[in-house]
Every structure is written in C-alpha cells, then in structure tokens.
mmCIF file of all heavy atoms, coordinates in Angstrom:
data_MODEL
# 
_entry.id   MODEL 
# 
loop_
_atom_site.group_PDB 
_atom_site.id 
_atom_site.type_symbol 
_atom_site.label_atom_id 
_atom_site.label_alt_id 
_atom_site.label_comp_id 
_atom_site.label_asym_id 
_atom_site.label_entity_id 
_atom_site.label_seq_id 
_atom_site.pdbx_PDB_ins_code 
_atom_site.Cartn_x 
_atom_site.Cartn_y 
_atom_site.Cartn_z 
_atom_site.occupancy 
_atom_site.B_iso_or_equiv 
_atom_site.pdbx_formal_charge 
_atom_site.auth_seq_id 
_atom_site.auth_comp_id 
_atom_site.auth_asym_id 
_atom_site.auth_atom_id 
_atom_site.pdbx_PDB_model_num 
ATOM 1   N N   . TYR A 1 1  ? 10.265  -33.904 13.011 1.00 0.00 ? 1  TYR A N   1 
ATOM 2   C CA  . TYR A 1 1  ? 11.045  -33.530 14.183 1.00 0.00 ? 1  TYR A CA  1 
ATOM 3   C C   . TYR A 1 1  ? 10.125  -33.120 15.321 1.00 0.00 ? 1  TYR A C   1 
ATOM 4   O O   . TYR A 1 1  ? 9.314   -32.206 15.178 1.00 0.00 ? 1  TYR A O   1 
ATOM 5   C CB  . TYR A 1 1  ? 12.010  -32.409 13.835 1.00 0.00 ? 1  TYR A CB  1 
ATOM 6   C CG  . TYR A 1 1  ? 12.925  -32.770 12.685 1.00 0.00 ? 1  TYR A CG  1 
ATOM 7   C CD1 . TYR A 1 1  ? 12.717  -32.263 11.412 1.00 0.00 ? 1  TYR A CD1 1 
ATOM 8   C CD2 . TYR A 1 1  ? 13.986  -33.645 12.883 1.00 0.00 ? 1  TYR A CD2 1 
ATOM 9   C CE1 . TYR A 1 1  ? 13.544  -32.610 10.359 1.00 0.00 ? 1  TYR A CE1 1 
ATOM 10  C CE2 . TYR A 1 1  ? 14.820  -34.000 11.837 1.00 0.00 ? 1  TYR A CE2 1 
ATOM 11  C CZ  . TYR A 1 1  ? 14.595  -33.481 10.578 1.00 0.00 ? 1  TYR A CZ  1 
ATOM 12  O OH  . TYR A 1 1  ? 15.425  -33.832 9.536  1.00 0.00 ? 1  TYR A OH  1 
ATOM 13  N N   . SER A 1 2  ? 10.276  -33.775 16.468 1.00 0.00 ? 2  SER A N   1 
ATOM 14  C CA  . SER A 1 2  ? 9.405   -33.545 17.610 1.00 0.00 ? 2  SER A CA  1 
ATOM 15  C C   . SER A 1 2  ? 9.628   -32.166 18.214 1.00 0.00 ? 2  SER A C   1 
ATOM 16  O O   . SER A 1 2  ? 10.726  -31.622 18.181 1.00 0.00 ? 2  SER A O   1 
ATOM 17  C CB  . SER A 1 2  ? 9.640   -34.614 18.678 1.00 0.00 ? 2  SER A CB  1 
ATOM 18  O OG  . SER A 1 2  ? 9.305   -35.899 18.205 1.00 0.00 ? 2  SER A OG  1 
ATOM 19  N N   . ALA A 1 3  ? 8.577   -31.621 18.792 1.00 0.00 ? 3  ALA A N   1 
ATOM 20  C CA  . ALA A 1 3  ? 8.655   -30.336 19.470 1.00 0.00 ? 3  ALA A CA  1 
ATOM 21  C C   . ALA A 1 3  ? 9.397   -30.473 20.795 1.00 0.00 ? 3  ALA A C   1 
ATOM 22  O O   . ALA A 1 3  ? 9.207   -31.439 21.526 1.00 0.00 ? 3  ALA A O   1 
ATOM 23  C CB  . ALA A 1 3  ? 7.265   -29.786 19.718 1.00 0.00 ? 3  ALA A CB  1 
ATOM 24  N N   . ASN A 1 4  ? 10.250  -29.497 21.103 1.00 0.00 ? 4  ASN A N   1 
ATOM 25  C CA  . ASN A 1 4  ? 10.891  -29.462 22.412 1.00 0.00 ? 4  ASN A CA  1 
ATOM 26  C C   . ASN A 1 4  ? 9.866   -29.203 23.511 1.00 0.00 ? 4  ASN A C   1 
ATOM 27  O O   . ASN A 1 4  ? 9.895   -29.826 24.567 1.00 0.00 ? 4  ASN A O   1 
ATOM 28  C CB  . ASN A 1 4  ? 11.971  -28.381 22.464 1.00 0.00 ? 4  ASN A CB  1 
ATOM 29  C CG  . ASN A 1 4  ? 13.083  -28.604 21.482 1.00 0.00 ? 4  ASN A CG  1 
ATOM 30  O OD1 . ASN A 1 4  ? 13.338  -27.758 20.626 1.00 0.00 ? 4  ASN A OD1 1 
ATOM 31  N ND2 . ASN A 1 4  ? 13.752  -29.740 21.581 1.00 0.00 ? 4  ASN A ND2 1 
ATOM 32  N N   . VAL A 1 5  ? 8.973   -28.265 23.238 1.00 0.00 ? 5  VAL A N   1 
ATOM 33  C CA  . VAL A 1 5  ? 7.956   -27.881 24.202 1.00 0.00 ? 5  VAL A CA  1 
ATOM 34  C C   . VAL A 1 5  ? 6.600   -27.853 23.517 1.00 0.00 ? 5  VAL A C   1 
ATOM 35  O O   . VAL A 1 5  ? 6.449   -27.297 22.427 1.00 0.00 ? 5  VAL A O   1 
ATOM 36  C CB  . VAL A 1 5  ? 8.240   -26.504 24.836 1.00 0.00 ? 5  VAL A CB  1 
ATOM 37  C CG1 . VAL A 1 5  ? 7.158   -26.149 25.849 1.00 0.00 ? 5  VAL A CG1 1 
ATOM 38  C CG2 . VAL A 1 5  ? 9.609   -26.499 25.498 1.00 0.00 ? 5  VAL A CG2 1 
ATOM 39  N N   . MET A 1 6  ? 5.622   -28.448 24.170 1.00 0.00 ? 6  MET A N   1 
ATOM 40  C CA  . MET A 1 6  ? 4.237   -28.346 23.752 1.00 0.00 ? 6  MET A CA  1 
ATOM 41  C C   . MET A 1 6  ? 3.462   -27.644 24.853 1.00 0.00 ? 6  MET A C   1 
ATOM 42  O O   . MET A 1 6  ? 3.757   -27.831 26.032 1.00 0.00 ? 6  MET A O   1 
ATOM 43  C CB  . MET A 1 6  ? 3.626   -29.725 23.506 1.00 0.00 ? 6  MET A CB  1 
ATOM 44  C CG  . MET A 1 6  ? 4.298   -30.524 22.410 1.00 0.00 ? 6  MET A CG  1 
ATOM 45  S SD  . MET A 1 6  ? 3.526   -32.159 22.203 1.00 0.00 ? 6  MET A SD  1 
ATOM 46  C CE  . MET A 1 6  ? 4.427   -32.796 20.779 1.00 0.00 ? 6  MET A CE  1 
ATOM 47  N N   . GLY A 1 7  ? 2.496   -26.842 24.470 1.00 0.00 ? 7  GLY A N   1 
ATOM 48  C CA  . GLY A 1 7  ? 1.759   -26.119 25.481 1.00 0.00 ? 7  GLY A CA  1 
ATOM 49  C C   . GLY A 1 7  ? 0.373   -25.711 25.048 1.00 0.00 ? 7  GLY A C   1 
ATOM 50  O O   . GLY A 1 7  ? 0.015   -25.791 23.871 1.00 0.00 ? 7  GLY A O   1 
ATOM 51  N N   . TRP A 1 8  ? -0.392  -25.295 26.035 1.00 0.00 ? 8  TRP A N   1 
ATOM 52  C CA  . TRP A 1 8  ? -1.724  -24.754 25.822 1.00 0.00 ? 8  TRP A CA  1 
ATOM 53  C C   . TRP A 1 8  ? -1.791  -23.356 26.403 1.00 0.00 ? 8  TRP A C   1 
ATOM 54  O O   . TRP A 1 8  ? -1.347  -23.121 27.534 1.00 0.00 ? 8  TRP A O   1 
ATOM 55  C CB  . TRP A 1 8  ? -2.797  -25.634 26.480 1.00 0.00 ? 8  TRP A CB  1 
ATOM 56  C CG  . TRP A 1 8  ? -2.990  -26.950 25.816 1.00 0.00 ? 8  TRP A CG  1 
ATOM 57  C CD1 . TRP A 1 8  ? -2.396  -28.130 26.137 1.00 0.00 ? 8  TRP A CD1 1 
ATOM 58  C CD2 . TRP A 1 8  ? -3.860  -27.218 24.707 1.00 0.00 ? 8  TRP A CD2 1 
ATOM 59  N NE1 . TRP A 1 8  ? -2.838  -29.130 25.298 1.00 0.00 ? 8  TRP A NE1 1 
ATOM 60  C CE2 . TRP A 1 8  ? -3.733  -28.590 24.406 1.00 0.00 ? 8  TRP A CE2 1 
ATOM 61  C CE3 . TRP A 1 8  ? -4.721  -26.439 23.937 1.00 0.00 ? 8  TRP A CE3 1 
ATOM 62  C CZ2 . TRP A 1 8  ? -4.452  -29.203 23.370 1.00 0.00 ? 8  TRP A CZ2 1 
ATOM 63  C CZ3 . TRP A 1 8  ? -5.425  -27.043 22.911 1.00 0.00 ? 8  TRP A CZ3 1 
ATOM 64  C CH2 . TRP A 1 8  ? -5.280  -28.411 22.643 1.00 0.00 ? 8  TRP A CH2 1 
ATOM 65  N N   . TYR A 1 9  ? -2.330  -22.435 25.618 1.00 0.00 ? 9  TYR A N   1 
ATOM 66  C CA  . TYR A 1 9  ? -2.567  -21.066 26.039 1.00 0.00 ? 9  TYR A CA  1 
ATOM 67  C C   . TYR A 1 9  ? -4.062  -20.791 25.962 1.00 0.00 ? 9  TYR A C   1 
ATOM 68  O O   . TYR A 1 9  ? -4.800  -21.513 25.293 1.00 0.00 ? 9  TYR A O   1 
ATOM 69  C CB  . TYR A 1 9  ? -1.823  -20.081 25.146 1.00 0.00 ? 9  TYR A CB  1 
ATOM 70  C CG  . TYR A 1 9  ? -0.315  -20.136 25.262 1.00 0.00 ? 9  TYR A CG  1 
ATOM 71  C CD1 . TYR A 1 9  ? 0.404   -21.195 24.729 1.00 0.00 ? 9  TYR A CD1 1 
ATOM 72  C CD2 . TYR A 1 9  ? 0.388   -19.109 25.890 1.00 0.00 ? 9  TYR A CD2 1 
ATOM 73  C CE1 . TYR A 1 9  ? 1.790   -21.249 24.828 1.00 0.00 ? 9  TYR A CE1 1 
ATOM 74  C CE2 . TYR A 1 9  ? 1.771   -19.150 25.985 1.00 0.00 ? 9  TYR A CE2 1 
ATOM 75  C CZ  . TYR A 1 9  ? 2.464   -20.222 25.451 1.00 0.00 ? 9  TYR A CZ  1 
ATOM 76  O OH  . TYR A 1 9  ? 3.835   -20.257 25.546 1.00 0.00 ? 9  TYR A OH  1 
ATOM 77  N N   . ARG A 1 10 ? -4.503  -19.743 26.631 1.00 0.00 ? 10 ARG A N   1 
ATOM 78  C CA  . ARG A 1 10 ? -5.898  -19.349 26.509 1.00 0.00 ? 10 ARG A CA  1 
ATOM 79  C C   . ARG A 1 10 ? -6.020  -17.835 26.547 1.00 0.00 ? 10 ARG A C   1 
ATOM 80  O O   . ARG A 1 10 ? -5.170  -17.137 27.103 1.00 0.00 ? 10 ARG A O   1 
ATOM 81  C CB  . ARG A 1 10 ? -6.761  -19.977 27.606 1.00 0.00 ? 10 ARG A CB  1 
ATOM 82  C CG  . ARG A 1 10 ? -6.491  -19.470 29.014 1.00 0.00 ? 10 ARG A CG  1 
ATOM 83  C CD  . ARG A 1 10 ? -7.314  -20.257 30.032 1.00 0.00 ? 10 ARG A CD  1 
ATOM 84  N NE  . ARG A 1 10 ? -7.108  -19.782 31.389 1.00 0.00 ? 10 ARG A NE  1 
ATOM 85  C CZ  . ARG A 1 10 ? -7.588  -20.382 32.465 1.00 0.00 ? 10 ARG A CZ  1 
ATOM 86  N NH1 . ARG A 1 10 ? -8.308  -21.498 32.342 1.00 0.00 ? 10 ARG A NH1 1 
ATOM 87  N NH2 . ARG A 1 10 ? -7.354  -19.874 33.671 1.00 0.00 ? 10 ARG A NH2 1 
ATOM 88  N N   . GLN A 1 11 ? -7.091  -17.346 25.948 1.00 0.00 ? 11 GLN A N   1 
ATOM 89  C CA  . GLN A 1 11 ? -7.356  -15.922 25.916 1.00 0.00 ? 11 GLN A CA  1 
ATOM 90  C C   . GLN A 1 11 ? -8.847  -15.677 26.081 1.00 0.00 ? 11 GLN A C   1 
ATOM 91  O O   . GLN A 1 11 ? -9.654  -16.141 25.280 1.00 0.00 ? 11 GLN A O   1 
ATOM 92  C CB  . GLN A 1 11 ? -6.861  -15.298 24.614 1.00 0.00 ? 11 GLN A CB  1 
ATOM 93  C CG  . GLN A 1 11 ? -6.955  -13.787 24.587 1.00 0.00 ? 11 GLN A CG  1 
ATOM 94  C CD  . GLN A 1 11 ? -6.173  -13.179 23.431 1.00 0.00 ? 11 GLN A CD  1 
ATOM 95  O OE1 . GLN A 1 11 ? -5.911  -13.833 22.433 1.00 0.00 ? 11 GLN A OE1 1 
ATOM 96  N NE2 . GLN A 1 11 ? -5.789  -11.922 23.582 1.00 0.00 ? 11 GLN A NE2 1 
ATOM 97  N N   . ALA A 1 12 ? -9.195  -14.960 27.134 1.00 0.00 ? 12 ALA A N   1 
ATOM 98  C CA  . ALA A 1 12 ? -10.568 -14.559 27.383 1.00 0.00 ? 12 ALA A CA  1 
ATOM 99  C C   . ALA A 1 12 ? -10.783 -13.157 26.824 1.00 0.00 ? 12 ALA A C   1 
ATOM 100 O O   . ALA A 1 12 ? -9.825  -12.400 26.646 1.00 0.00 ? 12 ALA A O   1 
ATOM 101 C CB  . ALA A 1 12 ? -10.869 -14.591 28.879 1.00 0.00 ? 12 ALA A CB  1 
ATOM 102 N N   . PRO A 1 13 ? -12.030 -12.781 26.544 1.00 0.00 ? 13 PRO A N   1 
ATOM 103 C CA  . PRO A 1 13 ? -12.311 -11.449 25.995 1.00 0.00 ? 13 PRO A CA  1 
ATOM 104 C C   . PRO A 1 13 ? -11.732 -10.336 26.868 1.00 0.00 ? 13 PRO A C   1 
ATOM 105 O O   . PRO A 1 13 ? -11.925 -10.334 28.086 1.00 0.00 ? 13 PRO A O   1 
ATOM 106 C CB  . PRO A 1 13 ? -13.831 -11.390 25.970 1.00 0.00 ? 13 PRO A CB  1 
ATOM 107 C CG  . PRO A 1 13 ? -14.254 -12.815 25.832 1.00 0.00 ? 13 PRO A CG  1 
ATOM 108 C CD  . PRO A 1 13 ? -13.261 -13.593 26.654 1.00 0.00 ? 13 PRO A CD  1 
ATOM 109 N N   . GLY A 1 14 ? -10.999 -9.413  26.245 1.00 0.00 ? 14 GLY A N   1 
ATOM 110 C CA  . GLY A 1 14 ? -10.431 -8.292  26.957 1.00 0.00 ? 14 GLY A CA  1 
ATOM 111 C C   . GLY A 1 14 ? -9.210  -8.601  27.789 1.00 0.00 ? 14 GLY A C   1 
ATOM 112 O O   . GLY A 1 14 ? -8.718  -7.720  28.504 1.00 0.00 ? 14 GLY A O   1 
ATOM 113 N N   . LYS A 1 15 ? -8.713  -9.819  27.714 1.00 0.00 ? 15 LYS A N   1 
ATOM 114 C CA  . LYS A 1 15 ? -7.565  -10.214 28.517 1.00 0.00 ? 15 LYS A CA  1 
ATOM 115 C C   . LYS A 1 15 ? -6.405  -10.664 27.634 1.00 0.00 ? 15 LYS A C   1 
ATOM 116 O O   . LYS A 1 15 ? -6.586  -11.031 26.478 1.00 0.00 ? 15 LYS A O   1 
ATOM 117 C CB  . LYS A 1 15 ? -7.933  -11.336 29.488 1.00 0.00 ? 15 LYS A CB  1 
ATOM 118 C CG  . LYS A 1 15 ? -8.982  -10.969 30.520 1.00 0.00 ? 15 LYS A CG  1 
ATOM 119 C CD  . LYS A 1 15 ? -9.165  -12.068 31.545 1.00 0.00 ? 15 LYS A CD  1 
ATOM 120 C CE  . LYS A 1 15 ? -7.900  -12.247 32.383 1.00 0.00 ? 15 LYS A CE  1 
ATOM 121 N NZ  . LYS A 1 15 ? -8.071  -13.293 33.440 1.00 0.00 ? 15 LYS A NZ  1 
ATOM 122 N N   . GLN A 1 16 ? -5.218  -10.630 28.197 1.00 0.00 ? 16 GLN A N   1 
ATOM 123 C CA  . GLN A 1 16 ? -4.015  -11.058 27.504 1.00 0.00 ? 16 GLN A CA  1 
ATOM 124 C C   . GLN A 1 16 ? -3.973  -12.583 27.409 1.00 0.00 ? 16 GLN A C   1 
ATOM 125 O O   . GLN A 1 16 ? -4.443  -13.284 28.308 1.00 0.00 ? 16 GLN A O   1 
ATOM 126 C CB  . GLN A 1 16 ? -2.792  -10.530 28.256 1.00 0.00 ? 16 GLN A CB  1 
ATOM 127 C CG  . GLN A 1 16 ? -1.464  -10.818 27.602 1.00 0.00 ? 16 GLN A CG  1 
ATOM 128 C CD  . GLN A 1 16 ? -0.314  -10.162 28.330 1.00 0.00 ? 16 GLN A CD  1 
ATOM 129 O OE1 . GLN A 1 16 ? 0.642   -9.708  27.707 1.00 0.00 ? 16 GLN A OE1 1 
ATOM 130 N NE2 . GLN A 1 16 ? -0.377  -10.109 29.646 1.00 0.00 ? 16 GLN A NE2 1 
ATOM 131 N N   . ARG A 1 17 ? -3.415  -13.085 26.320 1.00 0.00 ? 17 ARG A N   1 
ATOM 132 C CA  . ARG A 1 17 ? -3.228  -14.511 26.190 1.00 0.00 ? 17 ARG A CA  1 
ATOM 133 C C   . ARG A 1 17 ? -2.247  -14.994 27.262 1.00 0.00 ? 17 ARG A C   1 
ATOM 134 O O   . ARG A 1 17 ? -1.195  -14.388 27.478 1.00 0.00 ? 17 ARG A O   1 
ATOM 135 C CB  . ARG A 1 17 ? -2.709  -14.866 24.797 1.00 0.00 ? 17 ARG A CB  1 
ATOM 136 C CG  . ARG A 1 17 ? -2.612  -16.359 24.543 1.00 0.00 ? 17 ARG A CG  1 
ATOM 137 C CD  . ARG A 1 17 ? -2.195  -16.666 23.115 1.00 0.00 ? 17 ARG A CD  1 
ATOM 138 N NE  . ARG A 1 17 ? -3.157  -16.162 22.146 1.00 0.00 ? 17 ARG A NE  1 
ATOM 139 C CZ  . ARG A 1 17 ? -3.106  -16.407 20.844 1.00 0.00 ? 17 ARG A CZ  1 
ATOM 140 N NH1 . ARG A 1 17 ? -2.140  -17.166 20.348 1.00 0.00 ? 17 ARG A NH1 1 
ATOM 141 N NH2 . ARG A 1 17 ? -4.016  -15.884 20.034 1.00 0.00 ? 17 ARG A NH2 1 
ATOM 142 N N   . GLU A 1 18 ? -2.586  -16.085 27.925 1.00 0.00 ? 18 GLU A N   1 
ATOM 143 C CA  . GLU A 1 18 ? -1.762  -16.589 29.006 1.00 0.00 ? 18 GLU A CA  1 
ATOM 144 C C   . GLU A 1 18 ? -1.438  -18.064 28.813 1.00 0.00 ? 18 GLU A C   1 
ATOM 145 O O   . GLU A 1 18 ? -2.212  -18.818 28.222 1.00 0.00 ? 18 GLU A O   1 
ATOM 146 C CB  . GLU A 1 18 ? -2.461  -16.400 30.360 1.00 0.00 ? 18 GLU A CB  1 
ATOM 147 C CG  . GLU A 1 18 ? -3.746  -17.203 30.506 1.00 0.00 ? 18 GLU A CG  1 
ATOM 148 C CD  . GLU A 1 18 ? -4.335  -17.160 31.905 1.00 0.00 ? 18 GLU A CD  1 
ATOM 149 O OE1 . GLU A 1 18 ? -3.616  -16.770 32.844 1.00 0.00 ? 18 GLU A OE1 1 
ATOM 150 O OE2 . GLU A 1 18 ? -5.526  -17.524 32.059 1.00 0.00 ? 18 GLU A OE2 1 
ATOM 151 N N   . LEU A 1 19 ? -0.296  -18.458 29.341 1.00 0.00 ? 19 LEU A N   1 
ATOM 152 C CA  . LEU A 1 19 ? 0.090   -19.865 29.335 1.00 0.00 ? 19 LEU A CA  1 
ATOM 153 C C   . LEU A 1 19 ? -0.731  -20.616 30.368 1.00 0.00 ? 19 LEU A C   1 
ATOM 154 O O   . LEU A 1 19 ? -0.795  -20.223 31.531 1.00 0.00 ? 19 LEU A O   1 
ATOM 155 C CB  . LEU A 1 19 ? 1.580   -20.012 29.637 1.00 0.00 ? 19 LEU A CB  1 
ATOM 156 C CG  . LEU A 1 19 ? 2.090   -21.452 29.773 1.00 0.00 ? 19 LEU A CG  1 
ATOM 157 C CD1 . LEU A 1 19 ? 2.025   -22.174 28.423 1.00 0.00 ? 19 LEU A CD1 1 
ATOM 158 C CD2 . LEU A 1 19 ? 3.508   -21.471 30.320 1.00 0.00 ? 19 LEU A CD2 1 
ATOM 159 N N   . VAL A 1 20 ? -1.341  -21.706 29.940 1.00 0.00 ? 20 VAL A N   1 
ATOM 160 C CA  . VAL A 1 20 ? -2.103  -22.564 30.841 1.00 0.00 ? 20 VAL A CA  1 
ATOM 161 C C   . VAL A 1 20 ? -1.227  -23.693 31.361 1.00 0.00 ? 20 VAL A C   1 
ATOM 162 O O   . VAL A 1 20 ? -1.164  -23.953 32.569 1.00 0.00 ? 20 VAL A O   1 
ATOM 163 C CB  . VAL A 1 20 ? -3.348  -23.139 30.146 1.00 0.00 ? 20 VAL A CB  1 
ATOM 164 C CG1 . VAL A 1 20 ? -4.100  -24.091 31.073 1.00 0.00 ? 20 VAL A CG1 1 
ATOM 165 C CG2 . VAL A 1 20 ? -4.255  -22.010 29.670 1.00 0.00 ? 20 VAL A CG2 1 
ATOM 166 N N   . ALA A 1 21 ? -0.555  -24.387 30.449 1.00 0.00 ? 21 ALA A N   1 
ATOM 167 C CA  . ALA A 1 21 ? 0.294   -25.510 30.820 1.00 0.00 ? 21 ALA A CA  1 
ATOM 168 C C   . ALA A 1 21 ? 1.270   -25.795 29.697 1.00 0.00 ? 21 ALA A C   1 
ATOM 169 O O   . ALA A 1 21 ? 0.978   -25.540 28.528 1.00 0.00 ? 21 ALA A O   1 
ATOM 170 C CB  . ALA A 1 21 ? -0.544  -26.755 31.114 1.00 0.00 ? 21 ALA A CB  1 
ATOM 171 N N   . SER A 1 22 ? 2.426   -26.334 30.046 1.00 0.00 ? 22 SER A N   1 
ATOM 172 C CA  . SER A 1 22 ? 3.411   -26.725 29.058 1.00 0.00 ? 22 SER A CA  1 
ATOM 173 C C   . SER A 1 22 ? 4.082   -28.017 29.491 1.00 0.00 ? 22 SER A C   1 
ATOM 174 O O   . SER A 1 22 ? 4.065   -28.377 30.673 1.00 0.00 ? 22 SER A O   1 
ATOM 175 C CB  . SER A 1 22 ? 4.462   -25.629 28.836 1.00 0.00 ? 22 SER A CB  1 
ATOM 176 O OG  . SER A 1 22 ? 5.225   -25.420 30.017 1.00 0.00 ? 22 SER A OG  1 
ATOM 177 N N   . ILE A 1 23 ? 4.676   -28.702 28.524 1.00 0.00 ? 23 ILE A N   1 
ATOM 178 C CA  . ILE A 1 23 ? 5.344   -29.962 28.801 1.00 0.00 ? 23 ILE A CA  1 
ATOM 179 C C   . ILE A 1 23 ? 6.514   -30.127 27.856 1.00 0.00 ? 23 ILE A C   1 
ATOM 180 O O   . ILE A 1 23 ? 6.413   -29.853 26.662 1.00 0.00 ? 23 ILE A O   1 
ATOM 181 C CB  . ILE A 1 23 ? 4.346   -31.148 28.695 1.00 0.00 ? 23 ILE A CB  1 
ATOM 182 C CG1 . ILE A 1 23 ? 5.016   -32.470 29.077 1.00 0.00 ? 23 ILE A CG1 1 
ATOM 183 C CG2 . ILE A 1 23 ? 3.728   -31.225 27.301 1.00 0.00 ? 23 ILE A CG2 1 
ATOM 184 C CD1 . ILE A 1 23 ? 4.026   -33.618 29.265 1.00 0.00 ? 23 ILE A CD1 1 
ATOM 185 N N   . THR A 1 24 ? 7.655   -30.560 28.392 1.00 0.00 ? 24 THR A N   1 
ATOM 186 C CA  . THR A 1 24 ? 8.840   -30.787 27.590 1.00 0.00 ? 24 THR A CA  1 
ATOM 187 C C   . THR A 1 24 ? 8.813   -32.180 26.992 1.00 0.00 ? 24 THR A C   1 
ATOM 188 O O   . THR A 1 24 ? 7.938   -32.997 27.285 1.00 0.00 ? 24 THR A O   1 
ATOM 189 C CB  . THR A 1 24 ? 10.120  -30.619 28.415 1.00 0.00 ? 24 THR A CB  1 
ATOM 190 O OG1 . THR A 1 24 ? 10.208  -31.668 29.389 1.00 0.00 ? 24 THR A OG1 1 
ATOM 191 C CG2 . THR A 1 24 ? 10.145  -29.270 29.122 1.00 0.00 ? 24 THR A CG2 1 
ATOM 192 N N   . TYR A 1 25 ? 9.809   -32.461 26.151 1.00 0.00 ? 25 TYR A N   1 
ATOM 193 C CA  . TYR A 1 25 ? 9.874   -33.744 25.461 1.00 0.00 ? 25 TYR A CA  1 
ATOM 194 C C   . TYR A 1 25 ? 9.881   -34.917 26.443 1.00 0.00 ? 25 TYR A C   1 
ATOM 195 O O   . TYR A 1 25 ? 9.252   -35.948 26.179 1.00 0.00 ? 25 TYR A O   1 
ATOM 196 C CB  . TYR A 1 25 ? 11.120  -33.804 24.587 1.00 0.00 ? 25 TYR A CB  1 
ATOM 197 C CG  . TYR A 1 25 ? 11.216  -35.066 23.753 1.00 0.00 ? 25 TYR A CG  1 
ATOM 198 C CD1 . TYR A 1 25 ? 10.574  -35.152 22.520 1.00 0.00 ? 25 TYR A CD1 1 
ATOM 199 C CD2 . TYR A 1 25 ? 11.950  -36.163 24.195 1.00 0.00 ? 25 TYR A CD2 1 
ATOM 200 C CE1 . TYR A 1 25 ? 10.662  -36.307 21.757 1.00 0.00 ? 25 TYR A CE1 1 
ATOM 201 C CE2 . TYR A 1 25 ? 12.040  -37.319 23.438 1.00 0.00 ? 25 TYR A CE2 1 
ATOM 202 C CZ  . TYR A 1 25 ? 11.398  -37.385 22.220 1.00 0.00 ? 25 TYR A CZ  1 
ATOM 203 O OH  . TYR A 1 25 ? 11.485  -38.530 21.461 1.00 0.00 ? 25 TYR A OH  1 
# 
C-alpha cells in the first residue's frame, strides 16, 4: 500500500527536527 505522504526531515545538533520537503501521492 502506497504512502499518502512522503517526506524528508532533518536535524542538526542542538536543534529540533524540521520538515524539509513533502510530497503527496
């Protein structure tokens, strides 16, 4: 079953994880 949303997140030292980009089906 395919994902509704795919995305990339990133986290730098001492920082909160953040959304970089996302894409729908």
